[in-house]
Amino acid sequence: MYEKLIATRLAQLRTEKGVSAREMSLDIGQNPSYINRIENGNSMPSMQGFLYICEYLGVTPSEFFASDTASSSAALLLAKELEGLKPEQMEIVRGIIADLKKLRK
């Protein structure tokens, strides 16, 4: 069930990073066909292997599985910007978001 999701997402993120499957395999200390086997559905990474893959790709495990990466990344950036705001400032931002959602309808 998850094999195809992992294979597809891995290929997408690796391509976005601009590295070959072979190069990525070697960079994370695996044999040259490691990533290719995962992307072809012939193998699954161990949990440790998966965490190495995420680290190499510069994503968290939750970002790896995010269905809408662009939205997820934007939400994470927004959340970081909100850190440290005063409660009244947070309420203003919440109001702006509510207004934007109304316009979207």
PDB file of N, CA and C in Angstrom:
ATOM      1  N   MET A   1       0.820  -1.194   0.000  1.00  0.00           N
ATOM      2  CA  MET A   1       0.000   0.000   0.000  1.00  0.00           C
ATOM      3  C   MET A   1       0.870   1.266   0.000  1.00  0.00           C
ATOM      4  N   TYR A   2       1.813   1.343   0.934  1.00  0.00           N
ATOM      5  CA  TYR A   2       2.660   2.529   1.021  1.00  0.00           C
ATOM      6  C   TYR A   2       3.850   2.484   0.079  1.00  0.00           C
ATOM      7  N   GLU A   3       4.131   1.311  -0.463  1.00  0.00           N
ATOM      8  CA  GLU A   3       5.291   1.157  -1.331  1.00  0.00           C
ATOM      9  C   GLU A   3       5.245   2.133  -2.504  1.00  0.00           C
ATOM     10  N   LYS A   4       4.079   2.208  -3.150  1.00  0.00           N
ATOM     11  CA  LYS A   4       3.946   3.085  -4.317  1.00  0.00           C
ATOM     12  C   LYS A   4       4.059   4.559  -3.908  1.00  0.00           C
ATOM     13  N   LEU A   5       3.441   4.921  -2.787  1.00  0.00           N
ATOM     14  CA  LEU A   5       3.527   6.298  -2.295  1.00  0.00           C
ATOM     15  C   LEU A   5       4.974   6.675  -2.010  1.00  0.00           C
ATOM     16  N   ILE A   6       5.683   5.801  -1.314  1.00  0.00           N
ATOM     17  CA  ILE A   6       7.085   6.074  -0.983  1.00  0.00           C
ATOM     18  C   ILE A   6       7.924   6.160  -2.252  1.00  0.00           C
ATOM     19  N   ALA A   7       7.706   5.238  -3.173  1.00  0.00           N
ATOM     20  CA  ALA A   7       8.477   5.227  -4.419  1.00  0.00           C
ATOM     21  C   ALA A   7       8.245   6.511  -5.215  1.00  0.00           C
ATOM     22  N   THR A   8       6.991   6.898  -5.352  1.00  0.00           N
ATOM     23  CA  THR A   8       6.646   8.087  -6.138  1.00  0.00           C
ATOM     24  C   THR A   8       7.177   9.355  -5.487  1.00  0.00           C
ATOM     25  N   ARG A   9       6.978   9.466  -4.188  1.00  0.00           N
ATOM     26  CA  ARG A   9       7.410  10.680  -3.475  1.00  0.00           C
ATOM     27  C   ARG A   9       8.931  10.786  -3.450  1.00  0.00           C
ATOM     28  N   LEU A  10       9.597   9.659  -3.270  1.00  0.00           N
ATOM     29  CA  LEU A  10      11.054   9.663  -3.269  1.00  0.00           C
ATOM     30  C   LEU A  10      11.575  10.136  -4.622  1.00  0.00           C
ATOM     31  N   ALA A  11      11.020   9.609  -5.692  1.00  0.00           N
ATOM     32  CA  ALA A  11      11.454  10.015  -7.030  1.00  0.00           C
ATOM     33  C   ALA A  11      11.207  11.503  -7.255  1.00  0.00           C
ATOM     34  N   GLN A  12      10.058  11.993  -6.788  1.00  0.00           N
ATOM     35  CA  GLN A  12       9.730  13.413  -6.954  1.00  0.00           C
ATOM     36  C   GLN A  12      10.725  14.301  -6.208  1.00  0.00           C
ATOM     37  N   LEU A  13      10.955  13.999  -4.942  1.00  0.00           N
ATOM     38  CA  LEU A  13      11.855  14.824  -4.135  1.00  0.00           C
ATOM     39  C   LEU A  13      13.299  14.734  -4.635  1.00  0.00           C
ATOM     40  N   ARG A  14      13.703  13.549  -5.043  1.00  0.00           N
ATOM     41  CA  ARG A  14      15.063  13.375  -5.552  1.00  0.00           C
ATOM     42  C   ARG A  14      15.261  14.167  -6.840  1.00  0.00           C
ATOM     43  N   THR A  15      14.258  14.131  -7.704  1.00  0.00           N
ATOM     44  CA  THR A  15      14.331  14.874  -8.961  1.00  0.00           C
ATOM     45  C   THR A  15      14.380  16.376  -8.691  1.00  0.00           C
ATOM     46  N   GLU A  16      13.555  16.838  -7.742  1.00  0.00           N
ATOM     47  CA  GLU A  16      13.575  18.257  -7.376  1.00  0.00           C
ATOM     48  C   GLU A  16      14.942  18.675  -6.855  1.00  0.00           C
ATOM     49  N   LYS A  17      15.609  17.765  -6.166  1.00  0.00           N
ATOM     50  CA  LYS A  17      16.957  18.059  -5.638  1.00  0.00           C
ATOM     51  C   LYS A  17      18.002  18.028  -6.751  1.00  0.00           C
ATOM     52  N   GLY A  18      17.665  17.387  -7.862  1.00  0.00           N
ATOM     53  CA  GLY A  18      18.576  17.360  -8.999  1.00  0.00           C
ATOM     54  C   GLY A  18      19.692  16.345  -8.896  1.00  0.00           C
ATOM     55  N   VAL A  19      19.437  15.221  -8.237  1.00  0.00           N
ATOM     56  CA  VAL A  19      20.455  14.178  -8.129  1.00  0.00           C
ATOM     57  C   VAL A  19      19.930  12.883  -8.732  1.00  0.00           C
ATOM     58  N   SER A  20      20.831  12.078  -9.214  1.00  0.00           N
ATOM     59  CA  SER A  20      20.448  10.779  -9.764  1.00  0.00           C
ATOM     60  C   SER A  20      20.215   9.802  -8.615  1.00  0.00           C
ATOM     61  N   ALA A  21      19.515   8.728  -8.920  1.00  0.00           N
ATOM     62  CA  ALA A  21      19.280   7.689  -7.920  1.00  0.00           C
ATOM     63  C   ALA A  21      20.606   7.083  -7.465  1.00  0.00           C
ATOM     64  N   ARG A  22      21.507   6.878  -8.410  1.00  0.00           N
ATOM     65  CA  ARG A  22      22.814   6.313  -8.078  1.00  0.00           C
ATOM     66  C   ARG A  22      23.597   7.247  -7.160  1.00  0.00           C
ATOM     67  N   GLU A  23      23.626   8.519  -7.526  1.00  0.00           N
ATOM     68  CA  GLU A  23      24.358   9.500  -6.714  1.00  0.00           C
ATOM     69  C   GLU A  23      23.797   9.569  -5.293  1.00  0.00           C
ATOM     70  N   MET A  24      22.479   9.594  -5.181  1.00  0.00           N
ATOM     71  CA  MET A  24      21.870   9.665  -3.857  1.00  0.00           C
ATOM     72  C   MET A  24      22.187   8.411  -3.051  1.00  0.00           C
ATOM     73  N   SER A  25      22.109   7.246  -3.700  1.00  0.00           N
ATOM     74  CA  SER A  25      22.428   5.988  -3.015  1.00  0.00           C
ATOM     75  C   SER A  25      23.834   6.039  -2.416  1.00  0.00           C
ATOM     76  N   LEU A  26      24.787   6.457  -3.227  1.00  0.00           N
ATOM     77  CA  LEU A  26      26.176   6.513  -2.763  1.00  0.00           C
ATOM     78  C   LEU A  26      26.358   7.575  -1.686  1.00  0.00           C
ATOM     79  N   ASP A  27      25.670   8.721  -1.839  1.00  0.00           N
ATOM     80  CA  ASP A  27      25.798   9.804  -0.862  1.00  0.00           C
ATOM     81  C   ASP A  27      25.301   9.403   0.529  1.00  0.00           C
ATOM     82  N   ILE A  28      24.316   8.509   0.575  1.00  0.00           N
ATOM     83  CA  ILE A  28      23.813   8.093   1.892  1.00  0.00           C
ATOM     84  C   ILE A  28      24.439   6.774   2.351  1.00  0.00           C
ATOM     85  N   GLY A  29      25.508   6.372   1.655  1.00  0.00           N
ATOM     86  CA  GLY A  29      26.287   5.217   2.106  1.00  0.00           C
ATOM     87  C   GLY A  29      25.696   3.860   1.747  1.00  0.00           C
ATOM     88  N   GLN A  30      24.921   3.815   0.688  1.00  0.00           N
ATOM     89  CA  GLN A  30      24.309   2.549   0.271  1.00  0.00           C
ATOM     90  C   GLN A  30      24.922   2.079  -1.043  1.00  0.00           C
ATOM     91  N   ASN A  31      24.522   0.891  -1.480  1.00  0.00           N
ATOM     92  CA  ASN A  31      25.023   0.411  -2.769  1.00  0.00           C
ATOM     93  C   ASN A  31      24.382   1.236  -3.883  1.00  0.00           C
ATOM     94  N   PRO A  32      24.990   1.277  -5.062  1.00  0.00           N
ATOM     95  CA  PRO A  32      24.544   2.172  -6.131  1.00  0.00           C
ATOM     96  C   PRO A  32      23.088   2.010  -6.579  1.00  0.00           C
ATOM     97  N   SER A  33      22.493   0.839  -6.374  1.00  0.00           N
ATOM     98  CA  SER A  33      21.120   0.616  -6.847  1.00  0.00           C
ATOM     99  C   SER A  33      20.063   0.769  -5.757  1.00  0.00           C
ATOM    100  N   TYR A  34      20.448   1.166  -4.556  1.00  0.00           N
ATOM    101  CA  TYR A  34      19.535   1.242  -3.404  1.00  0.00           C
ATOM    102  C   TYR A  34      18.297   2.094  -3.687  1.00  0.00           C
ATOM    103  N   ILE A  35      18.482   3.334  -4.082  1.00  0.00           N
ATOM    104  CA  ILE A  35      17.353   4.242  -4.324  1.00  0.00           C
ATOM    105  C   ILE A  35      16.540   3.770  -5.523  1.00  0.00           C
ATOM    106  N   ASN A  36      17.216   3.298  -6.548  1.00  0.00           N
ATOM    107  CA  ASN A  36      16.524   2.793  -7.732  1.00  0.00           C
ATOM    108  C   ASN A  36      15.589   1.634  -7.361  1.00  0.00           C
ATOM    109  N   ARG A  37      16.049   0.738  -6.495  1.00  0.00           N
ATOM    110  CA  ARG A  37      15.219  -0.398  -6.073  1.00  0.00           C
ATOM    111  C   ARG A  37      13.986   0.082  -5.304  1.00  0.00           C
ATOM    112  N   ILE A  38      14.137   1.095  -4.481  1.00  0.00           N
ATOM    113  CA  ILE A  38      12.992   1.637  -3.739  1.00  0.00           C
ATOM    114  C   ILE A  38      12.013   2.290  -4.713  1.00  0.00           C
ATOM    115  N   GLU A  39      12.535   3.104  -5.616  1.00  0.00           N
ATOM    116  CA  GLU A  39      11.671   3.811  -6.569  1.00  0.00           C
ATOM    117  C   GLU A  39      10.955   2.855  -7.527  1.00  0.00           C
ATOM    118  N   ASN A  40      11.540   1.692  -7.775  1.00  0.00           N
ATOM    119  CA  ASN A  40      10.911   0.703  -8.651  1.00  0.00           C
ATOM    120  C   ASN A  40       9.997  -0.257  -7.893  1.00  0.00           C
ATOM    121  N   GLY A  41       9.873  -0.062  -6.582  1.00  0.00           N
ATOM    122  CA  GLY A  41       8.994  -0.902  -5.775  1.00  0.00           C
ATOM    123  C   GLY A  41       9.560  -2.270  -5.450  1.00  0.00           C
ATOM    124  N   ASN A  42      10.854  -2.457  -5.656  1.00  0.00           N
ATOM    125  CA  ASN A  42      11.489  -3.748  -5.380  1.00  0.00           C
ATOM    126  C   ASN A  42      12.023  -3.859  -3.964  1.00  0.00           C
ATOM    127  N   SER A  43      12.030  -2.749  -3.235  1.00  0.00           N
ATOM    128  CA  SER A  43      12.604  -2.733  -1.894  1.00  0.00           C
ATOM    129  C   SER A  43      11.960  -1.608  -1.095  1.00  0.00           C
ATOM    130  N   MET A  44      12.018  -1.744   0.215  1.00  0.00           N
ATOM    131  CA  MET A  44      11.557  -0.680   1.098  1.00  0.00           C
ATOM    132  C   MET A  44      12.699  -0.336   2.038  1.00  0.00           C
ATOM    133  N   PRO A  45      12.858   0.952   2.356  1.00  0.00           N
ATOM    134  CA  PRO A  45      13.934   1.303   3.295  1.00  0.00           C
ATOM    135  C   PRO A  45      13.559   0.904   4.716  1.00  0.00           C
ATOM    136  N   SER A  46      14.557   0.635   5.514  1.00  0.00           N
ATOM    137  CA  SER A  46      14.327   0.444   6.946  1.00  0.00           C
ATOM    138  C   SER A  46      13.944   1.808   7.529  1.00  0.00           C
ATOM    139  N   MET A  47      13.533   1.821   8.763  1.00  0.00           N
ATOM    140  CA  MET A  47      13.201   3.101   9.399  1.00  0.00           C
ATOM    141  C   MET A  47      14.434   4.002   9.421  1.00  0.00           C
ATOM    142  N   GLN A  48      15.566   3.451   9.773  1.00  0.00           N
ATOM    143  CA  GLN A  48      16.801   4.240   9.786  1.00  0.00           C
ATOM    144  C   GLN A  48      17.129   4.727   8.376  1.00  0.00           C
ATOM    145  N   GLY A  49      16.956   3.862   7.394  1.00  0.00           N
ATOM    146  CA  GLY A  49      17.197   4.251   6.001  1.00  0.00           C
ATOM    147  C   GLY A  49      16.269   5.360   5.567  1.00  0.00           C
ATOM    148  N   PHE A  50      15.006   5.257   5.964  1.00  0.00           N
ATOM    149  CA  PHE A  50      14.033   6.291   5.630  1.00  0.00           C
ATOM    150  C   PHE A  50      14.430   7.637   6.242  1.00  0.00           C
ATOM    151  N   LEU A  51      14.891   7.623   7.478  1.00  0.00           N
ATOM    152  CA  LEU A  51      15.305   8.869   8.132  1.00  0.00           C
ATOM    153  C   LEU A  51      16.535   9.464   7.453  1.00  0.00           C
ATOM    154  N   TYR A  52      17.463   8.626   7.006  1.00  0.00           N
ATOM    155  CA  TYR A  52      18.617   9.111   6.241  1.00  0.00           C
ATOM    156  C   TYR A  52      18.159   9.748   4.926  1.00  0.00           C
ATOM    157  N   ILE A  53      17.195   9.104   4.285  1.00  0.00           N
ATOM    158  CA  ILE A  53      16.657   9.632   3.025  1.00  0.00           C
ATOM    159  C   ILE A  53      16.038  11.010   3.258  1.00  0.00           C
ATOM    160  N   CYS A  54      15.230  11.136   4.303  1.00  0.00           N
ATOM    161  CA  CYS A  54      14.601  12.432   4.615  1.00  0.00           C
ATOM    162  C   CYS A  54      15.651  13.498   4.894  1.00  0.00           C
ATOM    163  N   GLU A  55      16.649  13.131   5.685  1.00  0.00           N
ATOM    164  CA  GLU A  55      17.712  14.088   6.010  1.00  0.00           C
ATOM    165  C   GLU A  55      18.432  14.532   4.738  1.00  0.00           C
ATOM    166  N   TYR A  56      18.745  13.597   3.886  1.00  0.00           N
ATOM    167  CA  TYR A  56      19.438  13.904   2.633  1.00  0.00           C
ATOM    168  C   TYR A  56      18.602  14.838   1.757  1.00  0.00           C
ATOM    169  N   LEU A  57      17.293  14.581   1.716  1.00  0.00           N
ATOM    170  CA  LEU A  57      16.407  15.386   0.875  1.00  0.00           C
ATOM    171  C   LEU A  57      16.021  16.713   1.527  1.00  0.00           C
ATOM    172  N   GLY A  58      16.370  16.875   2.805  1.00  0.00           N
ATOM    173  CA  GLY A  58      16.070  18.120   3.510  1.00  0.00           C
ATOM    174  C   GLY A  58      14.603  18.272   3.876  1.00  0.00           C
ATOM    175  N   VAL A  59      13.950  17.140   4.165  1.00  0.00           N
ATOM    176  CA  VAL A  59      12.542  17.173   4.568  1.00  0.00           C
ATOM    177  C   VAL A  59      12.374  16.380   5.856  1.00  0.00           C
ATOM    178  N   THR A  60      11.332  16.712   6.602  1.00  0.00           N
ATOM    179  CA  THR A  60      10.975  15.914   7.765  1.00  0.00           C
ATOM    180  C   THR A  60      10.159  14.717   7.274  1.00  0.00           C
ATOM    181  N   PRO A  61      10.039  13.673   8.087  1.00  0.00           N
ATOM    182  CA  PRO A  61       9.180  12.560   7.673  1.00  0.00           C
ATOM    183  C   PRO A  61       7.746  13.007   7.365  1.00  0.00           C
ATOM    184  N   SER A  62       7.223  13.938   8.119  1.00  0.00           N
ATOM    185  CA  SER A  62       5.859  14.398   7.844  1.00  0.00           C
ATOM    186  C   SER A  62       5.794  15.166   6.528  1.00  0.00           C
ATOM    187  N   GLU A  63       6.825  15.924   6.209  1.00  0.00           N
ATOM    188  CA  GLU A  63       6.869  16.622   4.917  1.00  0.00           C
ATOM    189  C   GLU A  63       6.996  15.619   3.769  1.00  0.00           C
ATOM    190  N   PHE A  64       7.709  14.527   4.017  1.00  0.00           N
ATOM    191  CA  PHE A  64       7.852  13.501   2.982  1.00  0.00           C
ATOM    192  C   PHE A  64       6.477  12.969   2.576  1.00  0.00           C
ATOM    193  N   PHE A  65       5.608  12.774   3.570  1.00  0.00           N
ATOM    194  CA  PHE A  65       4.288  12.210   3.295  1.00  0.00           C
ATOM    195  C   PHE A  65       3.207  13.250   3.045  1.00  0.00           C
ATOM    196  N   ALA A  66       3.544  14.532   3.098  1.00  0.00           N
ATOM    197  CA  ALA A  66       2.546  15.578   2.866  1.00  0.00           C
ATOM    198  C   ALA A  66       1.979  15.446   1.460  1.00  0.00           C
ATOM    199  N   SER A  67       0.650  15.516   1.362  1.00  0.00           N
ATOM    200  CA  SER A  67       0.016  15.349   0.053  1.00  0.00           C
ATOM    201  C   SER A  67       0.156  16.584  -0.813  1.00  0.00           C
ATOM    202  N   ASP A  68       0.177  17.739  -0.210  1.00  0.00           N
ATOM    203  CA  ASP A  68       0.335  18.984  -0.967  1.00  0.00           C
ATOM    204  C   ASP A  68       1.581  19.676  -0.451  1.00  0.00           C
ATOM    205  N   THR A  69       2.683  19.359  -1.029  1.00  0.00           N
ATOM    206  CA  THR A  69       3.967  19.842  -0.533  1.00  0.00           C
ATOM    207  C   THR A  69       4.069  21.351  -0.537  1.00  0.00           C
ATOM    208  N   ALA A  70       3.597  21.991  -1.593  1.00  0.00           N
ATOM    209  CA  ALA A  70       3.693  23.448  -1.672  1.00  0.00           C
ATOM    210  C   ALA A  70       2.911  24.086  -0.528  1.00  0.00           C
ATOM    211  N   SER A  71       1.711  23.612  -0.294  1.00  0.00           N
ATOM    212  CA  SER A  71       0.900  24.166   0.792  1.00  0.00           C
ATOM    213  C   SER A  71       1.518  23.860   2.144  1.00  0.00           C
ATOM    214  N   SER A  72       2.025  22.635   2.301  1.00  0.00           N
ATOM    215  CA  SER A  72       2.640  22.260   3.566  1.00  0.00           C
ATOM    216  C   SER A  72       3.865  23.112   3.862  1.00  0.00           C
ATOM    217  N   SER A  73       4.693  23.330   2.865  1.00  0.00           N
ATOM    218  CA  SER A  73       5.886  24.154   3.049  1.00  0.00           C
ATOM    219  C   SER A  73       5.509  25.587   3.381  1.00  0.00           C
ATOM    220  N   ALA A  74       4.504  26.105   2.680  1.00  0.00           N
ATOM    221  CA  ALA A  74       4.056  27.475   2.945  1.00  0.00           C
ATOM    222  C   ALA A  74       3.487  27.592   4.356  1.00  0.00           C
ATOM    223  N   ALA A  75       2.750  26.586   4.789  1.00  0.00           N
ATOM    224  CA  ALA A  75       2.173  26.614   6.138  1.00  0.00           C
ATOM    225  C   ALA A  75       3.271  26.572   7.197  1.00  0.00           C
ATOM    226  N   LEU A  76       4.302  25.764   6.960  1.00  0.00           N
ATOM    227  CA  LEU A  76       5.411  25.712   7.915  1.00  0.00           C
ATOM    228  C   LEU A  76       6.130  27.052   8.008  1.00  0.00           C
ATOM    229  N   LEU A  77       6.361  27.688   6.856  1.00  0.00           N
ATOM    230  CA  LEU A  77       7.002  29.004   6.858  1.00  0.00           C
ATOM    231  C   LEU A  77       6.143  30.030   7.593  1.00  0.00           C
ATOM    232  N   LEU A  78       4.839  29.980   7.345  1.00  0.00           N
ATOM    233  CA  LEU A  78       3.927  30.905   8.011  1.00  0.00           C
ATOM    234  C   LEU A  78       3.934  30.682   9.520  1.00  0.00           C
ATOM    235  N   ALA A  79       3.915  29.423   9.927  1.00  0.00           N
ATOM    236  CA  ALA A  79       3.941  29.110  11.355  1.00  0.00           C
ATOM    237  C   ALA A  79       5.202  29.659  12.018  1.00  0.00           C
ATOM    238  N   LYS A  80       6.329  29.565  11.331  1.00  0.00           N
ATOM    239  CA  LYS A  80       7.572  30.104  11.887  1.00  0.00           C
ATOM    240  C   LYS A  80       7.502  31.622  12.025  1.00  0.00           C
ATOM    241  N   GLU A  81       6.864  32.270  11.050  1.00  0.00           N
ATOM    242  CA  GLU A  81       6.721  33.732  11.109  1.00  0.00           C
ATOM    243  C   GLU A  81       5.816  34.161  12.272  1.00  0.00           C
ATOM    244  N   LEU A  82       4.861  33.314  12.632  1.00  0.00           N
ATOM    245  CA  LEU A  82       3.915  33.657  13.691  1.00  0.00           C
ATOM    246  C   LEU A  82       4.511  33.515  15.088  1.00  0.00           C
ATOM    247  N   GLU A  83       5.581  32.744  15.196  1.00  0.00           N
ATOM    248  CA  GLU A  83       6.208  32.540  16.504  1.00  0.00           C
ATOM    249  C   GLU A  83       6.628  33.872  17.107  1.00  0.00           C
ATOM    250  N   GLY A  84       6.289  34.047  18.361  1.00  0.00           N
ATOM    251  CA  GLY A  84       6.711  35.251  19.067  1.00  0.00           C
ATOM    252  C   GLY A  84       5.762  36.431  18.965  1.00  0.00           C
ATOM    253  N   LEU A  85       4.688  36.299  18.183  1.00  0.00           N
ATOM    254  CA  LEU A  85       3.716  37.393  18.125  1.00  0.00           C
ATOM    255  C   LEU A  85       2.929  37.451  19.431  1.00  0.00           C
ATOM    256  N   LYS A  86       2.492  38.626  19.778  1.00  0.00           N
ATOM    257  CA  LYS A  86       1.660  38.803  20.965  1.00  0.00           C
ATOM    258  C   LYS A  86       0.271  38.242  20.669  1.00  0.00           C
ATOM    259  N   PRO A  87      -0.477  37.869  21.709  1.00  0.00           N
ATOM    260  CA  PRO A  87      -1.819  37.304  21.492  1.00  0.00           C
ATOM    261  C   PRO A  87      -2.730  38.197  20.647  1.00  0.00           C
ATOM    262  N   GLU A  88      -2.670  39.510  20.869  1.00  0.00           N
ATOM    263  CA  GLU A  88      -3.527  40.399  20.080  1.00  0.00           C
ATOM    264  C   GLU A  88      -3.106  40.441  18.612  1.00  0.00           C
ATOM    265  N   GLN A  89      -1.812  40.290  18.370  1.00  0.00           N
ATOM    266  CA  GLN A  89      -1.327  40.233  16.993  1.00  0.00           C
ATOM    267  C   GLN A  89      -1.767  38.925  16.319  1.00  0.00           C
ATOM    268  N   MET A  90      -1.742  37.841  17.075  1.00  0.00           N
ATOM    269  CA  MET A  90      -2.210  36.554  16.557  1.00  0.00           C
ATOM    270  C   MET A  90      -3.689  36.626  16.195  1.00  0.00           C
ATOM    271  N   GLU A  91      -4.457  37.333  16.987  1.00  0.00           N
ATOM    272  CA  GLU A  91      -5.892  37.473  16.717  1.00  0.00           C
ATOM    273  C   GLU A  91      -6.116  38.263  15.429  1.00  0.00           C
ATOM    274  N   ILE A  92      -5.310  39.264  15.192  1.00  0.00           N
ATOM    275  CA  ILE A  92      -5.413  40.037  13.941  1.00  0.00           C
ATOM    276  C   ILE A  92      -5.116  39.132  12.746  1.00  0.00           C
ATOM    277  N   VAL A  93      -4.060  38.338  12.851  1.00  0.00           N
ATOM    278  CA  VAL A  93      -3.699  37.419  11.770  1.00  0.00           C
ATOM    279  C   VAL A  93      -4.818  36.410  11.552  1.00  0.00           C
ATOM    280  N   ARG A  94      -5.390  35.877  12.643  1.00  0.00           N
ATOM    281  CA  ARG A  94      -6.494  34.932  12.520  1.00  0.00           C
ATOM    282  C   ARG A  94      -7.670  35.562  11.794  1.00  0.00           C
ATOM    283  N   GLY A  95      -7.957  36.833  12.094  1.00  0.00           N
ATOM    284  CA  GLY A  95      -9.034  37.554  11.416  1.00  0.00           C
ATOM    285  C   GLY A  95      -8.762  37.721   9.920  1.00  0.00           C
ATOM    286  N   ILE A  96      -7.537  38.015   9.584  1.00  0.00           N
ATOM    287  CA  ILE A  96      -7.159  38.154   8.172  1.00  0.00           C
ATOM    288  C   ILE A  96      -7.361  36.822   7.446  1.00  0.00           C
ATOM    289  N   ILE A  97      -6.934  35.749   8.078  1.00  0.00           N
ATOM    290  CA  ILE A  97      -7.098  34.422   7.462  1.00  0.00           C
ATOM    291  C   ILE A  97      -8.573  34.102   7.275  1.00  0.00           C
ATOM    292  N   ALA A  98      -9.394  34.397   8.263  1.00  0.00           N
ATOM    293  CA  ALA A  98     -10.834  34.148   8.152  1.00  0.00           C
ATOM    294  C   ALA A  98     -11.425  34.944   6.988  1.00  0.00           C
ATOM    295  N   ASP A  99     -11.017  36.196   6.846  1.00  0.00           N
ATOM    296  CA  ASP A  99     -11.501  37.026   5.732  1.00  0.00           C
ATOM    297  C   ASP A  99     -11.055  36.462   4.381  1.00  0.00           C
ATOM    298  N   LEU A 100      -9.819  36.004   4.299  1.00  0.00           N
ATOM    299  CA  LEU A 100      -9.315  35.421   3.051  1.00  0.00           C
ATOM    300  C   LEU A 100     -10.085  34.154   2.674  1.00  0.00           C
ATOM    301  N   LYS A 101     -10.424  33.345   3.674  1.00  0.00           N
ATOM    302  CA  LYS A 101     -11.192  32.130   3.405  1.00  0.00           C
ATOM    303  C   LYS A 101     -12.584  32.476   2.877  1.00  0.00           C
ATOM    304  N   LYS A 102     -13.171  33.556   3.383  1.00  0.00           N
ATOM    305  CA  LYS A 102     -14.486  33.970   2.900  1.00  0.00           C
ATOM    306  C   LYS A 102     -14.410  34.403   1.433  1.00  0.00           C
ATOM    307  N   LEU A 103     -13.345  35.070   1.064  1.00  0.00           N
ATOM    308  CA  LEU A 103     -13.169  35.509  -0.322  1.00  0.00           C
ATOM    309  C   LEU A 103     -12.985  34.334  -1.271  1.00  0.00           C
ATOM    310  N   ARG A 104     -12.427  33.248  -0.785  1.00  0.00           N
ATOM    311  CA  ARG A 104     -12.160  32.064  -1.593  1.00  0.00           C
ATOM    312  C   ARG A 104     -13.434  31.341  -1.999  1.00  0.00           C
ATOM    313  N   LYS A 105     -14.488  31.499  -1.224  1.00  0.00           N
ATOM    314  CA  LYS A 105     -15.736  30.778  -1.470  1.00  0.00           C
ATOM    315  C   LYS A 105     -16.460  31.286  -2.656  1.00  0.00           C
TER     316      LYS A 105
END
